[in-house]
Structure formats: structure tokens, C-alpha cells
Amino acid sequence: GGGSGHEPAHAGFVGPGLLSAAVCGDVFASPSVDAVLA
């Protein structure tokens, strides 16, 4: 995951054989610690 604005990375690559989950921050901003832990 990471900042949004890079679509389809990262949430667009969630699925079998790729990511189990993607954590989306604000545009070009890292997601929070709580979001990653969740």
C-alpha cells in the first residue's frame, strides 16, 4: 500500500497470487499506522 493516486497500484492488485490486502492513504500520503495495523 501507500499513498493513493497510483492506481491500479495498490488496491487494484488484491487477489489470488498477488496481494492479500492493500492499505490506501490519502493522495500521495502514506496511510496511518492504525490503518496498516488494521
All heavy atoms as atom14 arrays in JSON, in Angstrom:
{
  "sequence": "GGGSGHEPAHAGFVGPGLLSAAVCGDVFASPSVDAVLA",
  "atom14_mask": [
    [1, 1, 1, 1, 0, 0, 0, 0, 0, 0, 0, 0, 0, 0],
    [1, 1, 1, 1, 0, 0, 0, 0, 0, 0, 0, 0, 0, 0],
    [1, 1, 1, 1, 0, 0, 0, 0, 0, 0, 0, 0, 0, 0],
    [1, 1, 1, 1, 1, 1, 0, 0, 0, 0, 0, 0, 0, 0],
    [1, 1, 1, 1, 0, 0, 0, 0, 0, 0, 0, 0, 0, 0],
    [1, 1, 1, 1, 1, 1, 1, 1, 1, 1, 0, 0, 0, 0],
    [1, 1, 1, 1, 1, 1, 1, 1, 1, 0, 0, 0, 0, 0],
    [1, 1, 1, 1, 1, 1, 1, 0, 0, 0, 0, 0, 0, 0],
    [1, 1, 1, 1, 1, 0, 0, 0, 0, 0, 0, 0, 0, 0],
    [1, 1, 1, 1, 1, 1, 1, 1, 1, 1, 0, 0, 0, 0],
    [1, 1, 1, 1, 1, 0, 0, 0, 0, 0, 0, 0, 0, 0],
    [1, 1, 1, 1, 0, 0, 0, 0, 0, 0, 0, 0, 0, 0],
    [1, 1, 1, 1, 1, 1, 1, 1, 1, 1, 1, 0, 0, 0],
    [1, 1, 1, 1, 1, 1, 1, 0, 0, 0, 0, 0, 0, 0],
    [1, 1, 1, 1, 0, 0, 0, 0, 0, 0, 0, 0, 0, 0],
    [1, 1, 1, 1, 1, 1, 1, 0, 0, 0, 0, 0, 0, 0],
    [1, 1, 1, 1, 0, 0, 0, 0, 0, 0, 0, 0, 0, 0],
    [1, 1, 1, 1, 1, 1, 1, 1, 0, 0, 0, 0, 0, 0],
    [1, 1, 1, 1, 1, 1, 1, 1, 0, 0, 0, 0, 0, 0],
    [1, 1, 1, 1, 1, 1, 0, 0, 0, 0, 0, 0, 0, 0],
    [1, 1, 1, 1, 1, 0, 0, 0, 0, 0, 0, 0, 0, 0],
    [1, 1, 1, 1, 1, 0, 0, 0, 0, 0, 0, 0, 0, 0],
    [1, 1, 1, 1, 1, 1, 1, 0, 0, 0, 0, 0, 0, 0],
    [1, 1, 1, 1, 1, 1, 0, 0, 0, 0, 0, 0, 0, 0],
    [1, 1, 1, 1, 0, 0, 0, 0, 0, 0, 0, 0, 0, 0],
    [1, 1, 1, 1, 1, 1, 1, 1, 0, 0, 0, 0, 0, 0],
    [1, 1, 1, 1, 1, 1, 1, 0, 0, 0, 0, 0, 0, 0],
    [1, 1, 1, 1, 1, 1, 1, 1, 1, 1, 1, 0, 0, 0],
    [1, 1, 1, 1, 1, 0, 0, 0, 0, 0, 0, 0, 0, 0],
    [1, 1, 1, 1, 1, 1, 0, 0, 0, 0, 0, 0, 0, 0],
    [1, 1, 1, 1, 1, 1, 1, 0, 0, 0, 0, 0, 0, 0],
    [1, 1, 1, 1, 1, 1, 0, 0, 0, 0, 0, 0, 0, 0],
    [1, 1, 1, 1, 1, 1, 1, 0, 0, 0, 0, 0, 0, 0],
    [1, 1, 1, 1, 1, 1, 1, 1, 0, 0, 0, 0, 0, 0],
    [1, 1, 1, 1, 1, 0, 0, 0, 0, 0, 0, 0, 0, 0],
    [1, 1, 1, 1, 1, 1, 1, 0, 0, 0, 0, 0, 0, 0],
    [1, 1, 1, 1, 1, 1, 1, 1, 0, 0, 0, 0, 0, 0],
    [1, 1, 1, 1, 1, 0, 0, 0, 0, 0, 0, 0, 0, 0]
  ],
  "atom14_positions": [
    [[0.82, -1.2, 0.0], [0.0, 0.0, 0.0], [0.85, 1.24, 0.0], [2.05, 1.21, -0.29], [0.0, 0.0, 0.0], [0.0, 0.0, 0.0], [0.0, 0.0, 0.0], [0.0, 0.0, 0.0], [0.0, 0.0, 0.0], [0.0, 0.0, 0.0], [0.0, 0.0, 0.0], [0.0, 0.0, 0.0], [0.0, 0.0, 0.0], [0.0, 0.0, 0.0]],
    [[0.23, 2.33, 0.32], [0.89, 3.63, 0.3], [-0.11, 4.7, -0.06], [-1.33, 4.51, 0.04], [0.0, 0.0, 0.0], [0.0, 0.0, 0.0], [0.0, 0.0, 0.0], [0.0, 0.0, 0.0], [0.0, 0.0, 0.0], [0.0, 0.0, 0.0], [0.0, 0.0, 0.0], [0.0, 0.0, 0.0], [0.0, 0.0, 0.0], [0.0, 0.0, 0.0]],
    [[0.4, 5.83, -0.53], [-0.49, 6.9, -0.93], [-1.33, 6.52, -2.13], [-0.91, 5.72, -2.98], [0.0, 0.0, 0.0], [0.0, 0.0, 0.0], [0.0, 0.0, 0.0], [0.0, 0.0, 0.0], [0.0, 0.0, 0.0], [0.0, 0.0, 0.0], [0.0, 0.0, 0.0], [0.0, 0.0, 0.0], [0.0, 0.0, 0.0], [0.0, 0.0, 0.0]],
    [[-2.52, 7.09, -2.21], [-3.37, 6.89, -3.38], [-2.88, 7.77, -4.52], [-2.02, 8.62, -4.35], [-4.83, 7.2, -3.04], [-5.3, 6.31, -2.05], [0.0, 0.0, 0.0], [0.0, 0.0, 0.0], [0.0, 0.0, 0.0], [0.0, 0.0, 0.0], [0.0, 0.0, 0.0], [0.0, 0.0, 0.0], [0.0, 0.0, 0.0], [0.0, 0.0, 0.0]],
    [[-3.45, 7.56, -5.71], [-3.02, 8.31, -6.88], [-2.15, 7.5, -7.81], [-1.74, 7.99, -8.86], [0.0, 0.0, 0.0], [0.0, 0.0, 0.0], [0.0, 0.0, 0.0], [0.0, 0.0, 0.0], [0.0, 0.0, 0.0], [0.0, 0.0, 0.0], [0.0, 0.0, 0.0], [0.0, 0.0, 0.0], [0.0, 0.0, 0.0], [0.0, 0.0, 0.0]],
    [[-1.85, 6.24, -7.42], [-1.01, 5.37, -8.23], [-1.81, 4.25, -8.87], [-1.23, 3.27, -9.35], [0.11, 4.77, -7.38], [0.94, 5.77, -6.67], [1.63, 6.77, -7.32], [1.19, 5.95, -5.34], [2.27, 7.52, -6.45], [2.02, 7.04, -5.23], [0.0, 0.0, 0.0], [0.0, 0.0, 0.0], [0.0, 0.0, 0.0], [0.0, 0.0, 0.0]],
    [[-3.12, 4.37, -8.88], [-3.97, 3.27, -9.33], [-3.62, 2.8, -10.75], [-3.23, 3.64, -11.58], [-5.43, 3.73, -9.28], [-5.97, 3.88, -7.86], [-5.35, 5.07, -7.1], [-4.88, 6.02, -7.77], [-5.34, 5.05, -5.87], [0.0, 0.0, 0.0], [0.0, 0.0, 0.0], [0.0, 0.0, 0.0], [0.0, 0.0, 0.0], [0.0, 0.0, 0.0]],
    [[-3.72, 1.47, -10.97], [-4.34, 0.45, -10.1], [-3.53, 0.02, -8.89], [-4.05, -0.68, -8.03], [-4.54, -0.73, -11.05], [-3.51, -0.58, -12.09], [-3.36, 0.91, -12.3], [0.0, 0.0, 0.0], [0.0, 0.0, 0.0], [0.0, 0.0, 0.0], [0.0, 0.0, 0.0], [0.0, 0.0, 0.0], [0.0, 0.0, 0.0], [0.0, 0.0, 0.0]],
    [[-2.22, 0.37, -8.82], [-1.49, 0.08, -7.59], [-2.09, 0.95, -6.46], [-2.38, 2.13, -6.69], [0.0, 0.4, -7.76], [0.0, 0.0, 0.0], [0.0, 0.0, 0.0], [0.0, 0.0, 0.0], [0.0, 0.0, 0.0], [0.0, 0.0, 0.0], [0.0, 0.0, 0.0], [0.0, 0.0, 0.0], [0.0, 0.0, 0.0], [0.0, 0.0, 0.0]],
    [[-2.4, 0.38, -5.33], [-2.03, -0.97, -4.93], [-3.29, -1.83, -4.81], [-3.23, -3.05, -4.94], [-1.3, -0.95, -3.61], [-0.03, -0.13, -3.65], [0.01, 1.23, -3.55], [1.25, -0.52, -3.84], [1.24, 1.66, -3.65], [2.02, 0.63, -3.82], [0.0, 0.0, 0.0], [0.0, 0.0, 0.0], [0.0, 0.0, 0.0], [0.0, 0.0, 0.0]],
    [[-4.42, -1.17, -4.56], [-5.64, -1.92, -4.29], [-6.1, -2.71, -5.51], [-6.76, -3.75, -5.37], [-6.75, -0.96, -3.85], [0.0, 0.0, 0.0], [0.0, 0.0, 0.0], [0.0, 0.0, 0.0], [0.0, 0.0, 0.0], [0.0, 0.0, 0.0], [0.0, 0.0, 0.0], [0.0, 0.0, 0.0], [0.0, 0.0, 0.0], [0.0, 0.0, 0.0]],
    [[-5.76, -2.26, -6.71], [-6.15, -2.99, -7.91], [-5.44, -4.3, -8.08], [-5.81, -5.1, -8.96], [0.0, 0.0, 0.0], [0.0, 0.0, 0.0], [0.0, 0.0, 0.0], [0.0, 0.0, 0.0], [0.0, 0.0, 0.0], [0.0, 0.0, 0.0], [0.0, 0.0, 0.0], [0.0, 0.0, 0.0], [0.0, 0.0, 0.0], [0.0, 0.0, 0.0]],
    [[-4.43, -4.58, -7.26], [-3.68, -5.83, -7.37], [-3.96, -6.77, -6.21], [-3.17, -7.68, -5.92], [-2.18, -5.53, -7.45], [-1.81, -4.71, -8.65], [-0.92, -3.66, -8.54], [-2.38, -4.96, -9.89], [-0.58, -2.89, -9.64], [-2.06, -4.19, -11.0], [-1.15, -3.16, -10.88], [0.0, 0.0, 0.0], [0.0, 0.0, 0.0], [0.0, 0.0, 0.0]],
    [[-5.08, -6.58, -5.54], [-5.51, -7.5, -4.49], [-6.23, -8.68, -5.16], [-7.16, -8.49, -5.93], [-6.43, -6.8, -3.48], [-7.01, -7.81, -2.48], [-5.67, -5.71, -2.74], [0.0, 0.0, 0.0], [0.0, 0.0, 0.0], [0.0, 0.0, 0.0], [0.0, 0.0, 0.0], [0.0, 0.0, 0.0], [0.0, 0.0, 0.0], [0.0, 0.0, 0.0]],
    [[-5.77, -9.88, -4.84], [-6.4, -11.07, -5.41], [-5.47, -12.26, -5.31], [-4.29, -12.14, -4.94], [0.0, 0.0, 0.0], [0.0, 0.0, 0.0], [0.0, 0.0, 0.0], [0.0, 0.0, 0.0], [0.0, 0.0, 0.0], [0.0, 0.0, 0.0], [0.0, 0.0, 0.0], [0.0, 0.0, 0.0], [0.0, 0.0, 0.0], [0.0, 0.0, 0.0]],
    [[-5.97, -13.45, -5.63], [-5.15, -14.67, -5.55], [-3.88, -14.56, -6.38], [-3.9, -14.11, -7.52], [-6.09, -15.75, -6.11], [-7.47, -15.2, -5.89], [-7.35, -13.73, -6.06], [0.0, 0.0, 0.0], [0.0, 0.0, 0.0], [0.0, 0.0, 0.0], [0.0, 0.0, 0.0], [0.0, 0.0, 0.0], [0.0, 0.0, 0.0], [0.0, 0.0, 0.0]],
    [[-2.77, -14.95, -5.79], [-1.5, -14.89, -6.48], [-0.84, -13.53, -6.43], [0.28, -13.36, -6.94], [0.0, 0.0, 0.0], [0.0, 0.0, 0.0], [0.0, 0.0, 0.0], [0.0, 0.0, 0.0], [0.0, 0.0, 0.0], [0.0, 0.0, 0.0], [0.0, 0.0, 0.0], [0.0, 0.0, 0.0], [0.0, 0.0, 0.0], [0.0, 0.0, 0.0]],
    [[-1.48, -12.57, -5.8], [-0.9, -11.23, -5.65], [-1.06, -10.79, -4.2], [-0.6, -11.48, -3.3], [-1.56, -10.24, -6.63], [-1.04, -10.28, -8.07], [-1.96, -9.53, -9.01], [0.36, -9.68, -8.11], [0.0, 0.0, 0.0], [0.0, 0.0, 0.0], [0.0, 0.0, 0.0], [0.0, 0.0, 0.0], [0.0, 0.0, 0.0], [0.0, 0.0, 0.0]],
    [[-1.69, -9.65, -3.97], [-1.8, -9.12, -2.61], [-3.0, -9.7, -1.87], [-4.05, -9.96, -2.47], [-1.92, -7.6, -2.65], [-0.75, -6.83, -3.28], [-1.05, -5.33, -3.24], [0.55, -7.15, -2.58], [0.0, 0.0, 0.0], [0.0, 0.0, 0.0], [0.0, 0.0, 0.0], [0.0, 0.0, 0.0], [0.0, 0.0, 0.0], [0.0, 0.0, 0.0]],
    [[-2.83, -9.85, -0.57], [-3.96, -10.22, 0.29], [-4.75, -9.0, 0.7], [-5.97, -9.08, 0.9], [-3.44, -10.93, 1.55], [-2.62, -12.03, 1.21], [0.0, 0.0, 0.0], [0.0, 0.0, 0.0], [0.0, 0.0, 0.0], [0.0, 0.0, 0.0], [0.0, 0.0, 0.0], [0.0, 0.0, 0.0], [0.0, 0.0, 0.0], [0.0, 0.0, 0.0]],
    [[-4.06, -7.87, 0.83], [-4.71, -6.61, 1.21], [-3.84, -5.46, 0.77], [-2.63, -5.6, 0.61], [-4.96, -6.56, 2.72], [0.0, 0.0, 0.0], [0.0, 0.0, 0.0], [0.0, 0.0, 0.0], [0.0, 0.0, 0.0], [0.0, 0.0, 0.0], [0.0, 0.0, 0.0], [0.0, 0.0, 0.0], [0.0, 0.0, 0.0], [0.0, 0.0, 0.0]],
    [[-4.48, -4.31, 0.56], [-3.78, -3.06, 0.24], [-4.31, -1.98, 1.15], [-5.53, -1.86, 1.36], [-3.99, -2.68, -1.21], [0.0, 0.0, 0.0], [0.0, 0.0, 0.0], [0.0, 0.0, 0.0], [0.0, 0.0, 0.0], [0.0, 0.0, 0.0], [0.0, 0.0, 0.0], [0.0, 0.0, 0.0], [0.0, 0.0, 0.0], [0.0, 0.0, 0.0]],
    [[-3.4, -1.18, 1.69], [-3.76, -0.09, 2.61], [-3.6, 1.22, 1.86], [-2.52, 1.51, 1.34], [-2.88, -0.11, 3.86], [-3.42, 0.86, 4.91], [-2.78, -1.52, 4.44], [0.0, 0.0, 0.0], [0.0, 0.0, 0.0], [0.0, 0.0, 0.0], [0.0, 0.0, 0.0], [0.0, 0.0, 0.0], [0.0, 0.0, 0.0], [0.0, 0.0, 0.0]],
    [[-4.67, 2.01, 1.79], [-4.69, 3.21, 0.94], [-4.63, 4.48, 1.79], [-5.51, 4.72, 2.63], [-5.98, 3.23, 0.1], [-6.27, 1.72, -0.84], [0.0, 0.0, 0.0], [0.0, 0.0, 0.0], [0.0, 0.0, 0.0], [0.0, 0.0, 0.0], [0.0, 0.0, 0.0], [0.0, 0.0, 0.0], [0.0, 0.0, 0.0], [0.0, 0.0, 0.0]],
    [[-3.6, 5.28, 1.57], [-3.51, 6.57, 2.22], [-4.18, 7.65, 1.4], [-4.78, 7.37, 0.34], [0.0, 0.0, 0.0], [0.0, 0.0, 0.0], [0.0, 0.0, 0.0], [0.0, 0.0, 0.0], [0.0, 0.0, 0.0], [0.0, 0.0, 0.0], [0.0, 0.0, 0.0], [0.0, 0.0, 0.0], [0.0, 0.0, 0.0], [0.0, 0.0, 0.0]],
    [[-4.11, 8.89, 1.86], [-4.58, 10.0, 1.05], [-3.69, 10.1, -0.2], [-2.68, 9.41, -0.33], [-4.52, 11.3, 1.85], [-5.62, 11.37, 2.89], [-6.72, 10.86, 2.63], [-5.36, 11.93, 3.98], [0.0, 0.0, 0.0], [0.0, 0.0, 0.0], [0.0, 0.0, 0.0], [0.0, 0.0, 0.0], [0.0, 0.0, 0.0], [0.0, 0.0, 0.0]],
    [[-4.06, 11.0, -1.12], [-3.3, 11.13, -2.36], [-1.85, 11.47, -2.04], [-1.56, 12.48, -1.39], [-3.92, 12.2, -3.28], [-3.04, 12.44, -4.49], [-5.31, 11.76, -3.71], [0.0, 0.0, 0.0], [0.0, 0.0, 0.0], [0.0, 0.0, 0.0], [0.0, 0.0, 0.0], [0.0, 0.0, 0.0], [0.0, 0.0, 0.0], [0.0, 0.0, 0.0]],
    [[-0.96, 10.58, -2.47], [0.49, 10.74, -2.31], [0.91, 10.84, -0.84], [1.97, 11.4, -0.54], [1.0, 11.95, -3.07], [0.89, 11.84, -4.57], [1.09, 12.94, -5.37], [0.56, 10.63, -5.18], [1.0, 12.86, -6.76], [0.46, 10.53, -6.57], [0.68, 11.65, -7.35], [0.0, 0.0, 0.0], [0.0, 0.0, 0.0], [0.0, 0.0, 0.0]],
    [[0.13, 10.3, 0.08], [0.47, 10.35, 1.5], [0.37, 8.94, 2.08], [-0.58, 8.2, 1.81], [-0.47, 11.29, 2.25], [0.0, 0.0, 0.0], [0.0, 0.0, 0.0], [0.0, 0.0, 0.0], [0.0, 0.0, 0.0], [0.0, 0.0, 0.0], [0.0, 0.0, 0.0], [0.0, 0.0, 0.0], [0.0, 0.0, 0.0], [0.0, 0.0, 0.0]],
    [[1.34, 8.57, 2.88], [1.34, 7.24, 3.48], [0.11, 7.04, 4.37], [-0.35, 7.97, 5.04], [2.61, 7.06, 4.31], [2.6, 5.81, 4.96], [0.0, 0.0, 0.0], [0.0, 0.0, 0.0], [0.0, 0.0, 0.0], [0.0, 0.0, 0.0], [0.0, 0.0, 0.0], [0.0, 0.0, 0.0], [0.0, 0.0, 0.0], [0.0, 0.0, 0.0]],
    [[-0.44, 5.83, 4.39], [-1.52, 5.56, 5.34], [-1.01, 5.59, 6.77], [0.18, 5.45, 7.03], [-1.98, 4.15, 4.93], [-0.81, 3.54, 4.24], [-0.1, 4.67, 3.57], [0.0, 0.0, 0.0], [0.0, 0.0, 0.0], [0.0, 0.0, 0.0], [0.0, 0.0, 0.0], [0.0, 0.0, 0.0], [0.0, 0.0, 0.0], [0.0, 0.0, 0.0]],
    [[-1.91, 5.74, 7.7], [-1.54, 5.84, 9.11], [-1.1, 4.49, 9.66], [-1.38, 3.42, 9.07], [-2.72, 6.36, 9.92], [-3.77, 5.39, 9.93], [0.0, 0.0, 0.0], [0.0, 0.0, 0.0], [0.0, 0.0, 0.0], [0.0, 0.0, 0.0], [0.0, 0.0, 0.0], [0.0, 0.0, 0.0], [0.0, 0.0, 0.0], [0.0, 0.0, 0.0]],
    [[-0.44, 4.52, 10.8], [-0.04, 3.28, 11.47], [-1.26, 2.43, 11.79], [-1.27, 1.21, 11.59], [0.74, 3.6, 12.76], [1.04, 2.32, 13.53], [2.03, 4.34, 12.43], [0.0, 0.0, 0.0], [0.0, 0.0, 0.0], [0.0, 0.0, 0.0], [0.0, 0.0, 0.0], [0.0, 0.0, 0.0], [0.0, 0.0, 0.0], [0.0, 0.0, 0.0]],
    [[-2.34, 3.06, 12.27], [-3.55, 2.32, 12.61], [-4.14, 1.64, 11.37], [-4.63, 0.5, 11.45], [-4.6, 3.25, 13.23], [-4.29, 3.58, 14.68], [-3.38, 2.94, 15.25], [-4.95, 4.48, 15.24], [0.0, 0.0, 0.0], [0.0, 0.0, 0.0], [0.0, 0.0, 0.0], [0.0, 0.0, 0.0], [0.0, 0.0, 0.0], [0.0, 0.0, 0.0]],
    [[-4.12, 2.34, 10.23], [-4.67, 1.75, 9.01], [-3.86, 0.53, 8.59], [-4.41, -0.52, 8.21], [-4.7, 2.78, 7.89], [0.0, 0.0, 0.0], [0.0, 0.0, 0.0], [0.0, 0.0, 0.0], [0.0, 0.0, 0.0], [0.0, 0.0, 0.0], [0.0, 0.0, 0.0], [0.0, 0.0, 0.0], [0.0, 0.0, 0.0], [0.0, 0.0, 0.0]],
    [[-2.52, 0.63, 8.64], [-1.68, -0.52, 8.28], [-1.89, -1.66, 9.26], [-2.02, -2.83, 8.85], [-0.19, -0.1, 8.25], [0.68, -1.3, 7.91], [0.04, 1.02, 7.24], [0.0, 0.0, 0.0], [0.0, 0.0, 0.0], [0.0, 0.0, 0.0], [0.0, 0.0, 0.0], [0.0, 0.0, 0.0], [0.0, 0.0, 0.0], [0.0, 0.0, 0.0]],
    [[-1.94, -1.36, 10.55], [-2.16, -2.41, 11.54], [-3.51, -3.08, 11.33], [-3.64, -4.32, 11.46], [-2.08, -1.82, 12.95], [-2.27, -2.81, 14.1], [-1.23, -3.92, 14.07], [-2.24, -2.08, 15.46], [0.0, 0.0, 0.0], [0.0, 0.0, 0.0], [0.0, 0.0, 0.0], [0.0, 0.0, 0.0], [0.0, 0.0, 0.0], [0.0, 0.0, 0.0]],
    [[-4.53, -2.29, 10.98], [-5.84, -2.88, 10.71], [-5.76, -3.87, 9.55], [-6.36, -4.95, 9.59], [-6.86, -1.77, 10.39], [0.0, 0.0, 0.0], [0.0, 0.0, 0.0], [0.0, 0.0, 0.0], [0.0, 0.0, 0.0], [0.0, 0.0, 0.0], [0.0, 0.0, 0.0], [0.0, 0.0, 0.0], [0.0, 0.0, 0.0], [0.0, 0.0, 0.0]]
  ]
}
